[in-house]
């Protein structure tokens, strides 16, 4: 489950539209993945610990294009 807050700014410049957005996201339920496995036929069980996921993320991006159809997209996401 992720909650977040962000904003978007859009501006018309003649027939060109520029749009920029930014959001901060927080993962409320981040569980470290853990897998318990066994080999078929022999051997005991063993555990593999996964990556501890980041709780904070930033989503940044922008678009530009003609007023009737935005054509160029740039979107990025940072986790920390």
Protein backbone atom coordinates (compact mmCIF):
# COMPACT_ATOMS: atom_id res chain seq x y z
CA UNK A 1 0.00 0.00 0.00
CA UNK A 2 1.44 3.34 -1.07
CA UNK A 3 0.33 6.85 -0.12
CA UNK A 4 1.63 10.03 -1.63
CA UNK A 5 1.32 13.71 -2.36
CA UNK A 6 2.28 15.61 -5.46
CA UNK A 7 1.49 18.30 -7.94
CA UNK A 8 1.36 19.10 -11.61
CA UNK A 9 1.89 22.36 -13.51
CA UNK A 10 0.79 22.81 -17.10
CA UNK A 11 1.34 25.85 -19.31
CA UNK A 12 0.18 26.71 -22.82
CA UNK A 13 2.74 28.60 -24.88
CA UNK A 14 1.02 29.32 -28.17
CA UNK A 15 0.32 25.94 -29.71
CA UNK A 16 2.81 24.18 -27.40
CA UNK A 17 1.92 22.64 -24.03
CA UNK A 18 4.52 22.08 -21.31
CA UNK A 19 3.69 19.90 -18.29
CA UNK A 20 5.86 19.11 -15.24
CA UNK A 21 4.89 16.88 -12.33
CA UNK A 22 6.42 15.73 -9.04
CA UNK A 23 5.19 13.44 -6.28
CA UNK A 24 6.52 12.03 -3.04
CA UNK A 25 5.35 8.47 -2.29
CA UNK A 26 5.55 6.49 0.94
CA UNK A 27 5.15 2.71 1.05
CA UNK A 28 3.11 1.95 4.17
CA UNK A 29 3.50 -1.83 4.01
CA UNK A 30 7.03 -2.80 3.02
CA UNK A 31 7.75 -6.40 3.86
CA UNK A 32 11.16 -7.93 3.30
CA UNK A 33 10.68 -10.97 1.09
CA UNK A 34 11.75 -14.29 2.54
CA UNK A 35 11.64 -17.70 0.84
CA UNK A 36 12.09 -21.08 2.54
CA UNK A 37 13.09 -23.86 0.14
CA UNK A 38 14.10 -27.52 0.15
CA UNK A 39 15.83 -29.69 -2.43
CA UNK A 40 13.75 -32.55 -3.83
CA UNK A 41 14.80 -35.91 -2.42
CA UNK A 42 17.27 -34.87 0.26
CA UNK A 43 18.58 -32.11 2.45
CA UNK A 44 17.11 -29.76 4.96
CA UNK A 45 15.26 -26.54 4.39
CA UNK A 46 17.10 -23.29 3.81
CA UNK A 47 15.97 -19.69 3.86
CA UNK A 48 16.75 -16.95 1.34
CA UNK A 49 16.25 -13.34 2.41
CA UNK A 50 15.23 -10.84 -0.25
CA UNK A 51 15.92 -7.16 -0.60
CA UNK A 52 14.64 -4.78 2.06
CA UNK A 53 12.50 -2.43 -0.06
CA UNK A 54 12.78 1.35 0.23
CA UNK A 55 9.85 3.15 1.87
CA UNK A 56 10.32 6.58 0.25
CA UNK A 57 10.02 7.30 -3.48
CA UNK A 58 9.96 10.38 -5.67
CA UNK A 59 8.21 10.41 -9.03
CA UNK A 60 9.37 13.22 -11.35
CA UNK A 61 8.55 13.90 -14.96
CA UNK A 62 7.42 16.17 -17.71
CA UNK A 63 5.82 16.28 -21.13
CA UNK A 64 5.82 18.66 -24.06
CA UNK A 65 4.04 18.73 -27.38
CA UNK A 66 1.31 20.34 -29.46
CA UNK A 67 -1.75 21.52 -27.53
CA UNK A 68 -3.93 18.79 -29.02
CA UNK A 69 -1.54 15.88 -28.35
CA UNK A 70 1.38 15.66 -25.88
CA UNK A 71 4.13 13.75 -27.69
CA UNK A 72 7.36 13.76 -25.64
CA UNK A 73 7.42 12.16 -22.20
CA UNK A 74 10.13 12.07 -19.54
CA UNK A 75 9.30 10.22 -16.33
CA UNK A 76 11.65 9.03 -13.57
CA UNK A 77 11.34 7.42 -10.17
CA UNK A 78 13.84 7.51 -7.32
CA UNK A 79 13.79 5.19 -4.30
CA UNK A 80 15.59 5.91 -1.05
